[in-house]
N, C-alpha and C. Protein backbone atom coordinates (compact mmCIF):
# COMPACT_ATOMS: atom_id res chain seq x y z
N MET A 1 72.38 100.66 97.06
CA MET A 1 73.59 101.35 97.51
C MET A 1 73.25 102.82 97.75
N THR A 2 73.70 103.33 98.87
CA THR A 2 73.44 104.72 99.20
C THR A 2 74.52 105.60 98.61
N ALA A 3 74.11 106.64 97.92
CA ALA A 3 75.07 107.54 97.31
C ALA A 3 75.77 108.36 98.38
N THR A 4 77.04 108.62 98.19
CA THR A 4 77.79 109.44 99.13
C THR A 4 78.14 110.76 98.47
N THR A 5 78.22 111.79 99.25
CA THR A 5 78.56 113.10 98.73
C THR A 5 79.75 113.64 99.48
N ASN A 6 80.59 114.35 98.79
CA ASN A 6 81.74 114.97 99.44
C ASN A 6 81.29 116.19 100.20
N PRO A 7 81.94 116.50 101.34
CA PRO A 7 81.57 117.69 102.08
C PRO A 7 81.84 118.93 101.24
N PRO A 8 81.04 119.98 101.41
CA PRO A 8 81.23 121.18 100.61
C PRO A 8 82.60 121.80 100.87
N ALA A 9 83.17 122.39 99.83
CA ALA A 9 84.47 123.04 99.98
C ALA A 9 84.31 124.25 100.89
N PRO A 10 85.33 124.54 101.69
CA PRO A 10 85.24 125.69 102.59
C PRO A 10 85.09 126.98 101.81
N GLY A 11 84.30 127.90 102.35
CA GLY A 11 84.09 129.19 101.71
C GLY A 11 85.30 130.09 101.85
N LEU A 12 85.21 131.28 101.25
CA LEU A 12 86.33 132.21 101.26
C LEU A 12 86.70 132.61 102.69
N ARG A 13 85.70 132.85 103.54
CA ARG A 13 85.97 133.24 104.91
C ARG A 13 86.75 132.17 105.65
N GLU A 14 86.33 130.92 105.48
CA GLU A 14 87.01 129.82 106.16
C GLU A 14 88.43 129.63 105.63
N ARG A 15 88.61 129.82 104.32
CA ARG A 15 89.94 129.68 103.75
C ARG A 15 90.88 130.77 104.26
N LYS A 16 90.36 131.99 104.40
CA LYS A 16 91.18 133.08 104.93
C LYS A 16 91.57 132.81 106.38
N LYS A 17 90.62 132.29 107.16
CA LYS A 17 90.93 131.99 108.55
C LYS A 17 91.98 130.89 108.64
N ALA A 18 91.85 129.87 107.80
CA ALA A 18 92.82 128.78 107.80
C ALA A 18 94.19 129.29 107.39
N ALA A 19 94.23 130.20 106.43
CA ALA A 19 95.51 130.76 105.97
C ALA A 19 96.17 131.58 107.07
N THR A 20 95.37 132.36 107.80
CA THR A 20 95.92 133.16 108.90
C THR A 20 96.45 132.27 110.01
N ARG A 21 95.70 131.24 110.34
CA ARG A 21 96.14 130.31 111.38
C ARG A 21 97.45 129.64 110.98
N GLN A 22 97.54 129.22 109.72
CA GLN A 22 98.76 128.57 109.24
C GLN A 22 99.94 129.54 109.22
N ALA A 23 99.68 130.80 108.84
CA ALA A 23 100.75 131.80 108.82
C ALA A 23 101.29 132.04 110.23
N LEU A 24 100.42 132.09 111.21
CA LEU A 24 100.85 132.27 112.60
C LEU A 24 101.66 131.06 113.06
N HIS A 25 101.20 129.90 112.71
CA HIS A 25 101.91 128.67 113.08
C HIS A 25 103.30 128.64 112.47
N GLU A 26 103.40 128.93 111.18
CA GLU A 26 104.70 128.90 110.51
C GLU A 26 105.63 129.97 111.06
N ALA A 27 105.09 131.15 111.37
CA ALA A 27 105.92 132.21 111.96
C ALA A 27 106.44 131.78 113.33
N ALA A 28 105.58 131.14 114.11
CA ALA A 28 105.98 130.68 115.44
C ALA A 28 107.09 129.64 115.35
N VAL A 29 106.94 128.68 114.46
CA VAL A 29 107.95 127.63 114.30
C VAL A 29 109.27 128.22 113.81
N ARG A 30 109.18 129.14 112.87
CA ARG A 30 110.40 129.77 112.34
C ARG A 30 111.15 130.54 113.43
N LEU A 31 110.41 131.30 114.22
CA LEU A 31 111.04 132.06 115.30
C LEU A 31 111.63 131.15 116.36
N ALA A 32 110.93 130.06 116.66
CA ALA A 32 111.45 129.12 117.66
C ALA A 32 112.72 128.45 117.17
N ALA A 33 112.78 128.15 115.87
CA ALA A 33 113.99 127.54 115.31
C ALA A 33 115.17 128.51 115.38
N GLU A 34 114.88 129.81 115.24
CA GLU A 34 115.95 130.82 115.22
C GLU A 34 116.40 131.24 116.62
N HIS A 35 115.44 131.32 117.55
CA HIS A 35 115.75 131.92 118.85
C HIS A 35 115.51 130.99 120.04
N GLY A 36 114.85 129.86 119.81
CA GLY A 36 114.50 128.98 120.92
C GLY A 36 113.08 129.24 121.39
N VAL A 37 112.42 128.19 121.85
CA VAL A 37 111.02 128.30 122.25
C VAL A 37 110.82 129.32 123.36
N GLU A 38 111.65 129.29 124.36
CA GLU A 38 111.44 130.15 125.53
C GLU A 38 111.60 131.63 125.22
N ARG A 39 112.32 131.97 124.15
CA ARG A 39 112.53 133.36 123.81
C ARG A 39 111.48 133.91 122.85
N VAL A 40 110.63 133.04 122.34
CA VAL A 40 109.59 133.48 121.41
C VAL A 40 108.43 134.08 122.20
N THR A 41 107.91 135.21 121.73
CA THR A 41 106.76 135.84 122.37
C THR A 41 105.58 135.89 121.42
N VAL A 42 104.41 136.03 121.98
CA VAL A 42 103.20 136.17 121.16
C VAL A 42 103.30 137.40 120.27
N GLU A 43 103.82 138.48 120.83
CA GLU A 43 103.95 139.72 120.05
C GLU A 43 104.85 139.51 118.84
N ALA A 44 105.95 138.79 119.04
CA ALA A 44 106.88 138.54 117.94
C ALA A 44 106.22 137.68 116.86
N ILE A 45 105.45 136.69 117.28
CA ILE A 45 104.76 135.82 116.32
C ILE A 45 103.76 136.64 115.51
N ALA A 46 102.98 137.46 116.19
CA ALA A 46 101.98 138.30 115.50
C ALA A 46 102.66 139.24 114.51
N ASP A 47 103.75 139.86 114.93
CA ASP A 47 104.47 140.77 114.04
C ASP A 47 105.00 140.04 112.82
N ALA A 48 105.56 138.85 113.03
CA ALA A 48 106.14 138.09 111.92
C ALA A 48 105.07 137.66 110.93
N ALA A 49 103.84 137.47 111.42
CA ALA A 49 102.74 137.07 110.54
C ALA A 49 101.94 138.26 110.03
N ASN A 50 102.38 139.48 110.41
CA ASN A 50 101.72 140.72 109.98
C ASN A 50 100.26 140.80 110.42
N VAL A 51 100.02 140.40 111.68
CA VAL A 51 98.69 140.54 112.25
C VAL A 51 98.83 141.17 113.63
N SER A 52 97.71 141.56 114.22
CA SER A 52 97.74 142.17 115.54
C SER A 52 97.77 141.12 116.63
N ARG A 53 98.12 141.56 117.84
CA ARG A 53 98.10 140.68 119.01
C ARG A 53 96.69 140.16 119.25
N ARG A 54 95.70 140.99 119.00
CA ARG A 54 94.31 140.58 119.18
C ARG A 54 93.94 139.48 118.18
N THR A 55 94.42 139.64 116.94
CA THR A 55 94.14 138.61 115.94
C THR A 55 94.75 137.28 116.35
N PHE A 56 95.98 137.32 116.87
CA PHE A 56 96.61 136.09 117.36
C PHE A 56 95.70 135.40 118.38
N SER A 57 95.16 136.18 119.31
CA SER A 57 94.33 135.62 120.39
C SER A 57 93.03 135.03 119.86
N ASN A 58 92.61 135.43 118.66
CA ASN A 58 91.41 134.85 118.06
C ASN A 58 91.66 133.42 117.57
N TYR A 59 92.93 133.07 117.39
CA TYR A 59 93.27 131.76 116.83
C TYR A 59 93.92 130.81 117.83
N PHE A 60 94.73 131.36 118.74
CA PHE A 60 95.46 130.51 119.67
C PHE A 60 95.42 131.09 121.08
N ASN A 61 95.46 130.20 122.06
CA ASN A 61 95.45 130.63 123.46
C ASN A 61 96.83 131.04 123.96
N GLY A 62 97.87 130.69 123.24
CA GLY A 62 99.22 131.05 123.65
C GLY A 62 100.21 130.57 122.62
N LYS A 63 101.47 130.89 122.83
CA LYS A 63 102.48 130.54 121.83
C LYS A 63 102.66 129.03 121.71
N GLU A 64 102.48 128.29 122.82
CA GLU A 64 102.65 126.84 122.77
C GLU A 64 101.64 126.21 121.81
N GLN A 65 100.41 126.68 121.88
CA GLN A 65 99.38 126.15 121.00
C GLN A 65 99.69 126.51 119.55
N ALA A 66 100.19 127.73 119.33
CA ALA A 66 100.56 128.14 117.97
C ALA A 66 101.69 127.29 117.43
N LEU A 67 102.67 126.99 118.28
CA LEU A 67 103.82 126.20 117.86
C LEU A 67 103.41 124.77 117.50
N LEU A 68 102.44 124.22 118.21
CA LEU A 68 102.05 122.82 118.00
C LEU A 68 100.74 122.69 117.22
N HIS A 69 100.43 123.70 116.44
CA HIS A 69 99.19 123.66 115.66
C HIS A 69 99.12 122.43 114.76
N THR A 70 100.25 122.02 114.19
CA THR A 70 100.24 120.84 113.33
C THR A 70 99.76 119.61 114.10
N ASP A 71 100.19 119.45 115.34
CA ASP A 71 99.74 118.32 116.15
C ASP A 71 98.24 118.36 116.38
N TYR A 72 97.73 119.53 116.74
CA TYR A 72 96.29 119.66 116.97
C TYR A 72 95.50 119.38 115.69
N ALA A 73 96.01 119.88 114.57
CA ALA A 73 95.31 119.69 113.29
C ALA A 73 95.29 118.21 112.91
N ARG A 74 96.40 117.53 113.14
CA ARG A 74 96.45 116.11 112.78
C ARG A 74 95.58 115.27 113.70
N MET A 75 95.51 115.65 114.96
CA MET A 75 94.62 114.93 115.87
C MET A 75 93.16 115.13 115.46
N ALA A 76 92.81 116.35 115.07
CA ALA A 76 91.44 116.61 114.62
C ALA A 76 91.13 115.80 113.37
N ARG A 77 92.09 115.73 112.47
CA ARG A 77 91.91 114.95 111.25
C ARG A 77 91.78 113.47 111.57
N LEU A 78 92.53 112.98 112.55
CA LEU A 78 92.44 111.57 112.95
C LEU A 78 91.04 111.25 113.46
N VAL A 79 90.48 112.13 114.29
CA VAL A 79 89.12 111.93 114.79
C VAL A 79 88.15 111.86 113.62
N GLU A 80 88.34 112.73 112.64
CA GLU A 80 87.47 112.75 111.47
C GLU A 80 87.59 111.44 110.68
N LEU A 81 88.81 110.94 110.54
CA LEU A 81 89.01 109.69 109.80
C LEU A 81 88.37 108.51 110.52
N VAL A 82 88.46 108.48 111.84
CA VAL A 82 87.81 107.40 112.60
C VAL A 82 86.30 107.49 112.45
N ARG A 83 85.77 108.69 112.53
CA ARG A 83 84.33 108.89 112.40
C ARG A 83 83.82 108.40 111.04
N ASP A 84 84.66 108.50 110.01
CA ASP A 84 84.24 108.14 108.66
C ASP A 84 84.45 106.66 108.33
N ARG A 85 85.02 105.88 109.26
CA ARG A 85 85.20 104.46 109.00
C ARG A 85 83.84 103.76 108.94
N PRO A 86 83.76 102.61 108.25
CA PRO A 86 82.49 101.88 108.15
C PRO A 86 81.88 101.62 109.52
N ALA A 87 80.56 101.74 109.61
CA ALA A 87 79.87 101.66 110.90
C ALA A 87 80.09 100.34 111.61
N GLY A 88 80.19 99.24 110.89
CA GLY A 88 80.32 97.94 111.52
C GLY A 88 81.73 97.57 111.93
N GLU A 89 82.69 98.44 111.69
CA GLU A 89 84.08 98.14 112.00
C GLU A 89 84.33 98.26 113.50
N ALA A 90 85.08 97.30 114.05
CA ALA A 90 85.38 97.33 115.48
C ALA A 90 86.22 98.56 115.82
N GLY A 91 86.15 98.98 117.08
CA GLY A 91 86.83 100.20 117.50
C GLY A 91 88.31 100.20 117.23
N TRP A 92 89.02 99.15 117.65
CA TRP A 92 90.47 99.12 117.47
C TRP A 92 90.84 99.10 115.98
N THR A 93 90.06 98.36 115.19
CA THR A 93 90.32 98.31 113.75
C THR A 93 90.12 99.68 113.12
N ALA A 94 89.06 100.37 113.50
CA ALA A 94 88.81 101.70 112.97
C ALA A 94 89.95 102.65 113.30
N LEU A 95 90.45 102.56 114.51
CA LEU A 95 91.56 103.43 114.93
C LEU A 95 92.83 103.14 114.14
N THR A 96 93.17 101.86 114.00
CA THR A 96 94.41 101.52 113.31
C THR A 96 94.34 101.85 111.82
N ARG A 97 93.18 101.64 111.20
CA ARG A 97 93.05 101.99 109.78
C ARG A 97 93.13 103.51 109.60
N ALA A 98 92.55 104.23 110.52
CA ALA A 98 92.56 105.69 110.43
C ALA A 98 93.96 106.26 110.59
N ILE A 99 94.74 105.72 111.52
CA ILE A 99 96.09 106.28 111.72
C ILE A 99 96.98 105.97 110.52
N GLU A 100 96.75 104.84 109.85
CA GLU A 100 97.54 104.55 108.66
C GLU A 100 97.25 105.57 107.57
N VAL A 101 95.98 105.93 107.42
CA VAL A 101 95.62 106.95 106.44
C VAL A 101 96.24 108.29 106.82
N SER A 102 96.18 108.60 108.10
CA SER A 102 96.73 109.87 108.58
C SER A 102 98.22 109.99 108.30
N VAL A 103 98.97 108.93 108.60
CA VAL A 103 100.42 108.96 108.35
C VAL A 103 100.69 109.08 106.86
N ALA A 104 99.92 108.36 106.04
CA ALA A 104 100.12 108.42 104.59
C ALA A 104 99.82 109.82 104.05
N GLU A 105 98.83 110.48 104.61
CA GLU A 105 98.47 111.82 104.14
C GLU A 105 99.60 112.82 104.36
N ASN A 106 100.43 112.58 105.36
CA ASN A 106 101.49 113.53 105.69
C ASN A 106 102.87 113.07 105.22
N ALA A 107 102.90 112.01 104.42
CA ALA A 107 104.18 111.44 104.00
C ALA A 107 104.94 112.35 103.04
N ASP A 108 104.24 113.21 102.33
CA ASP A 108 104.89 114.03 101.30
C ASP A 108 105.17 115.45 101.76
N GLU A 109 105.12 115.71 103.06
CA GLU A 109 105.39 117.06 103.53
C GLU A 109 106.84 117.45 103.26
N ASP A 110 107.09 118.74 103.20
CA ASP A 110 108.42 119.26 102.89
C ASP A 110 109.44 118.72 103.89
N PRO A 111 110.53 118.08 103.40
CA PRO A 111 111.52 117.50 104.32
C PRO A 111 112.15 118.52 105.27
N GLU A 112 112.41 119.72 104.76
CA GLU A 112 113.01 120.74 105.62
C GLU A 112 112.07 121.13 106.75
N TRP A 113 110.78 121.29 106.40
CA TRP A 113 109.79 121.60 107.42
C TRP A 113 109.68 120.47 108.43
N ARG A 114 109.72 119.23 107.95
CA ARG A 114 109.60 118.08 108.84
C ARG A 114 110.73 118.06 109.87
N VAL A 115 111.95 118.31 109.41
CA VAL A 115 113.10 118.31 110.33
C VAL A 115 112.95 119.43 111.35
N ARG A 116 112.53 120.61 110.89
CA ARG A 116 112.38 121.75 111.80
C ARG A 116 111.30 121.48 112.83
N TYR A 117 110.17 120.94 112.38
CA TYR A 117 109.07 120.69 113.31
C TYR A 117 109.40 119.55 114.26
N ARG A 118 110.10 118.55 113.75
CA ARG A 118 110.49 117.42 114.59
C ARG A 118 111.43 117.88 115.70
N THR A 119 112.36 118.76 115.35
CA THR A 119 113.27 119.32 116.35
C THR A 119 112.51 120.13 117.39
N LEU A 120 111.54 120.90 116.93
CA LEU A 120 110.72 121.72 117.83
C LEU A 120 109.99 120.85 118.85
N ARG A 121 109.42 119.75 118.41
CA ARG A 121 108.62 118.91 119.29
C ARG A 121 109.45 118.25 120.38
N ARG A 122 110.77 118.23 120.22
CA ARG A 122 111.63 117.64 121.24
C ARG A 122 111.98 118.63 122.34
N ASP A 123 111.58 119.89 122.19
CA ASP A 123 111.91 120.90 123.19
C ASP A 123 111.11 120.65 124.46
N PRO A 124 111.78 120.53 125.61
CA PRO A 124 111.07 120.27 126.88
C PRO A 124 110.02 121.32 127.22
N ALA A 125 110.19 122.53 126.71
CA ALA A 125 109.24 123.60 127.02
C ALA A 125 107.86 123.32 126.44
N LEU A 126 107.77 122.40 125.49
CA LEU A 126 106.48 122.10 124.86
C LEU A 126 105.90 120.77 125.33
N ALA A 127 106.55 120.13 126.27
CA ALA A 127 106.08 118.82 126.73
C ALA A 127 104.65 118.89 127.26
N GLY A 128 104.36 119.91 128.06
CA GLY A 128 103.02 120.03 128.63
C GLY A 128 101.95 120.22 127.57
N GLU A 129 102.25 121.02 126.55
CA GLU A 129 101.27 121.26 125.49
C GLU A 129 101.06 120.01 124.64
N LEU A 130 102.13 119.23 124.44
CA LEU A 130 101.99 117.98 123.71
C LEU A 130 101.07 117.02 124.45
N VAL A 131 101.26 116.91 125.76
CA VAL A 131 100.38 116.06 126.57
C VAL A 131 98.94 116.55 126.47
N ARG A 132 98.76 117.85 126.49
CA ARG A 132 97.41 118.42 126.40
C ARG A 132 96.76 118.07 125.06
N SER A 133 97.53 118.09 123.98
CA SER A 133 96.97 117.77 122.67
C SER A 133 96.47 116.33 122.63
N TYR A 134 97.20 115.43 123.27
CA TYR A 134 96.78 114.03 123.31
C TYR A 134 95.57 113.85 124.23
N THR A 135 95.49 114.63 125.29
CA THR A 135 94.35 114.54 126.19
C THR A 135 93.07 114.96 125.47
N VAL A 136 93.16 116.03 124.69
CA VAL A 136 92.01 116.49 123.91
C VAL A 136 91.60 115.41 122.91
N ALA A 137 92.58 114.82 122.23
CA ALA A 137 92.28 113.78 121.25
C ALA A 137 91.67 112.55 121.92
N GLU A 138 92.16 112.20 123.09
CA GLU A 138 91.63 111.04 123.82
C GLU A 138 90.14 111.22 124.10
N ARG A 139 89.77 112.39 124.58
CA ARG A 139 88.37 112.66 124.88
C ARG A 139 87.50 112.58 123.62
N GLU A 140 87.99 113.18 122.53
CA GLU A 140 87.20 113.20 121.30
C GLU A 140 87.12 111.82 120.65
N LEU A 141 88.23 111.09 120.67
CA LEU A 141 88.22 109.76 120.09
C LEU A 141 87.32 108.81 120.87
N SER A 142 87.32 108.91 122.19
CA SER A 142 86.48 108.02 122.99
C SER A 142 85.01 108.23 122.66
N GLY A 143 84.63 109.48 122.39
CA GLY A 143 83.25 109.75 122.01
C GLY A 143 82.90 109.15 120.67
N VAL A 144 83.86 109.14 119.74
CA VAL A 144 83.61 108.62 118.40
C VAL A 144 83.51 107.10 118.40
N ILE A 145 84.36 106.43 119.19
CA ILE A 145 84.40 104.97 119.13
C ILE A 145 83.45 104.29 120.12
N ALA A 146 82.85 105.05 121.01
CA ALA A 146 81.92 104.44 121.98
C ALA A 146 80.80 103.70 121.27
N GLY A 147 80.34 104.24 120.15
CA GLY A 147 79.26 103.60 119.40
C GLY A 147 79.67 102.31 118.72
N ARG A 148 80.96 102.04 118.66
CA ARG A 148 81.44 100.80 118.05
C ARG A 148 81.62 99.68 119.07
N LEU A 149 81.37 99.98 120.33
CA LEU A 149 81.52 98.98 121.39
C LEU A 149 80.15 98.45 121.80
N PRO A 150 80.11 97.24 122.35
CA PRO A 150 78.83 96.71 122.83
C PRO A 150 78.23 97.63 123.91
N ALA A 151 76.94 97.86 123.82
CA ALA A 151 76.28 98.73 124.79
C ALA A 151 76.31 98.09 126.17
N ALA A 152 76.83 98.81 127.14
CA ALA A 152 76.94 98.31 128.51
C ALA A 152 77.17 99.50 129.42
N PRO A 153 76.91 99.34 130.72
CA PRO A 153 77.13 100.46 131.64
C PRO A 153 78.55 101.01 131.62
N ASP A 154 79.52 100.11 131.35
CA ASP A 154 80.91 100.57 131.38
C ASP A 154 81.45 100.95 130.00
N THR A 155 80.56 101.09 129.01
CA THR A 155 81.01 101.44 127.66
C THR A 155 81.81 102.74 127.61
N PRO A 156 81.36 103.83 128.27
CA PRO A 156 82.18 105.06 128.24
C PRO A 156 83.58 104.85 128.80
N LEU A 157 83.69 104.05 129.87
CA LEU A 157 85.00 103.77 130.45
C LEU A 157 85.86 102.98 129.48
N ARG A 158 85.26 101.95 128.86
CA ARG A 158 86.01 101.12 127.91
C ARG A 158 86.45 101.95 126.71
N ALA A 159 85.60 102.83 126.25
CA ALA A 159 85.95 103.69 125.10
C ALA A 159 87.12 104.60 125.45
N ARG A 160 87.10 105.15 126.66
CA ARG A 160 88.19 106.03 127.07
C ARG A 160 89.50 105.26 127.21
N LEU A 161 89.44 104.05 127.75
CA LEU A 161 90.63 103.22 127.87
C LEU A 161 91.17 102.82 126.51
N LEU A 162 90.27 102.50 125.60
CA LEU A 162 90.67 102.13 124.25
C LEU A 162 91.39 103.30 123.57
N ALA A 163 90.80 104.48 123.66
CA ALA A 163 91.42 105.67 123.07
C ALA A 163 92.77 105.96 123.72
N ALA A 164 92.85 105.82 125.04
CA ALA A 164 94.09 106.11 125.75
C ALA A 164 95.21 105.14 125.35
N HIS A 165 94.89 103.85 125.27
CA HIS A 165 95.89 102.87 124.86
C HIS A 165 96.37 103.14 123.44
N PHE A 166 95.44 103.43 122.57
CA PHE A 166 95.78 103.71 121.18
C PHE A 166 96.70 104.92 121.07
N LEU A 167 96.33 106.01 121.71
CA LEU A 167 97.11 107.24 121.62
C LEU A 167 98.47 107.10 122.30
N THR A 168 98.53 106.30 123.35
CA THR A 168 99.83 106.06 123.99
C THR A 168 100.77 105.36 123.01
N ALA A 169 100.27 104.37 122.30
CA ALA A 169 101.09 103.67 121.32
C ALA A 169 101.55 104.61 120.22
N VAL A 170 100.65 105.46 119.74
CA VAL A 170 101.00 106.42 118.68
C VAL A 170 102.02 107.43 119.19
N ARG A 171 101.81 107.91 120.42
CA ARG A 171 102.73 108.90 120.99
C ARG A 171 104.13 108.32 121.17
N VAL A 172 104.21 107.08 121.68
CA VAL A 172 105.52 106.45 121.88
C VAL A 172 106.20 106.22 120.53
N ALA A 173 105.44 105.77 119.53
CA ALA A 173 106.01 105.57 118.20
C ALA A 173 106.58 106.88 117.66
N ASN A 174 105.87 107.98 117.87
CA ASN A 174 106.35 109.28 117.43
C ASN A 174 107.61 109.69 118.16
N GLN A 175 107.67 109.40 119.46
CA GLN A 175 108.86 109.75 120.23
C GLN A 175 110.07 108.96 119.75
N VAL A 176 109.88 107.68 119.48
CA VAL A 176 110.98 106.86 118.96
C VAL A 176 111.42 107.39 117.60
N TRP A 177 110.45 107.79 116.79
CA TRP A 177 110.76 108.33 115.46
C TRP A 177 111.58 109.62 115.56
N LEU A 178 111.28 110.44 116.57
CA LEU A 178 112.07 111.66 116.77
C LEU A 178 113.53 111.33 117.05
N GLU A 179 113.74 110.21 117.75
CA GLU A 179 115.11 109.79 118.10
C GLU A 179 115.78 109.01 116.97
N ARG A 180 114.95 108.27 116.19
CA ARG A 180 115.50 107.47 115.09
C ARG A 180 114.71 107.73 113.82
N PRO A 181 114.86 108.92 113.24
CA PRO A 181 114.06 109.29 112.08
C PRO A 181 114.36 108.48 110.82
N GLU A 182 115.43 107.69 110.84
CA GLU A 182 115.75 106.89 109.66
C GLU A 182 114.75 105.74 109.48
N GLU A 183 114.03 105.37 110.54
CA GLU A 183 113.02 104.32 110.43
C GLU A 183 111.67 104.94 110.10
N PRO A 184 110.98 104.43 109.08
CA PRO A 184 109.70 105.03 108.69
C PRO A 184 108.72 105.08 109.86
N LEU A 185 108.03 106.20 109.99
CA LEU A 185 107.09 106.37 111.08
C LEU A 185 105.99 105.32 111.04
N ILE A 186 105.50 105.00 109.86
CA ILE A 186 104.39 104.06 109.76
C ILE A 186 104.79 102.70 110.30
N ASP A 187 106.06 102.29 110.11
CA ASP A 187 106.52 101.00 110.63
C ASP A 187 106.52 101.01 112.16
N LEU A 188 106.98 102.11 112.73
CA LEU A 188 106.98 102.24 114.19
C LEU A 188 105.56 102.24 114.75
N VAL A 189 104.67 102.93 114.08
CA VAL A 189 103.27 102.98 114.53
C VAL A 189 102.65 101.60 114.48
N ARG A 190 102.87 100.88 113.40
CA ARG A 190 102.30 99.55 113.27
C ARG A 190 102.81 98.60 114.35
N ARG A 191 104.11 98.66 114.64
CA ARG A 191 104.67 97.79 115.67
C ARG A 191 104.15 98.15 117.05
N ALA A 192 104.05 99.46 117.31
CA ALA A 192 103.54 99.88 118.61
C ALA A 192 102.09 99.46 118.80
N LEU A 193 101.30 99.60 117.76
CA LEU A 193 99.89 99.22 117.86
C LEU A 193 99.73 97.70 117.98
N ALA A 194 100.56 96.95 117.26
CA ALA A 194 100.48 95.49 117.38
C ALA A 194 100.80 95.03 118.79
N THR A 195 101.77 95.69 119.42
CA THR A 195 102.15 95.34 120.78
C THR A 195 101.04 95.67 121.77
N THR A 196 100.31 96.74 121.48
CA THR A 196 99.27 97.22 122.39
C THR A 196 97.93 96.55 122.17
N ALA A 197 97.75 95.91 121.02
CA ALA A 197 96.41 95.50 120.58
C ALA A 197 95.82 94.32 121.32
N GLU A 198 96.64 93.48 121.98
CA GLU A 198 96.13 92.22 122.51
C GLU A 198 94.85 92.36 123.35
N PRO A 199 94.78 93.31 124.29
CA PRO A 199 93.56 93.38 125.10
C PRO A 199 92.31 93.75 124.31
N PHE A 200 92.49 94.30 123.09
CA PHE A 200 91.33 94.77 122.32
C PHE A 200 91.12 93.97 121.06
N ALA A 201 91.89 92.91 120.87
CA ALA A 201 91.78 92.12 119.65
C ALA A 201 90.42 91.44 119.58
């Protein structure tokens, strides 16, 4: 049996950067909840987080990215979870097991924050950035799962299609959850993935 080691804990510099990024994100979401997405400015977010406009630009390309940082972070974590699945696991299985872990990891988040962020994600002004976050995840996930598919000339294409189908199911489940939050997200995700899984079973 090969021994496994946990990744090293982030150093002080990395923790400070993560804290600043999170502070900017929370300031952006708070301002959007109070004034609306379209009225929020980068300058206002930086001021609310007690950092400079230049510091903001070191972390985010614009206010939309700052507002949806949670989405980007969760997508990055999902890629990491898929990468850590057992090597012999099929691509679709690795994806579905990873998303279940991801949803479980976020099940205990603050209810007030969840409602605020859920409301934010429904704002039409952020639709383009949400699509962009899924596009980034699709590209990264396809690279991770390509090695789980049989080697063939069309493997990159199949990996991209697999990632796209998977993320579409997850995105639709999230959209339904935004409209019907009384139903557990994990149940919606499981049903959406089961409906989508036939071509990859």
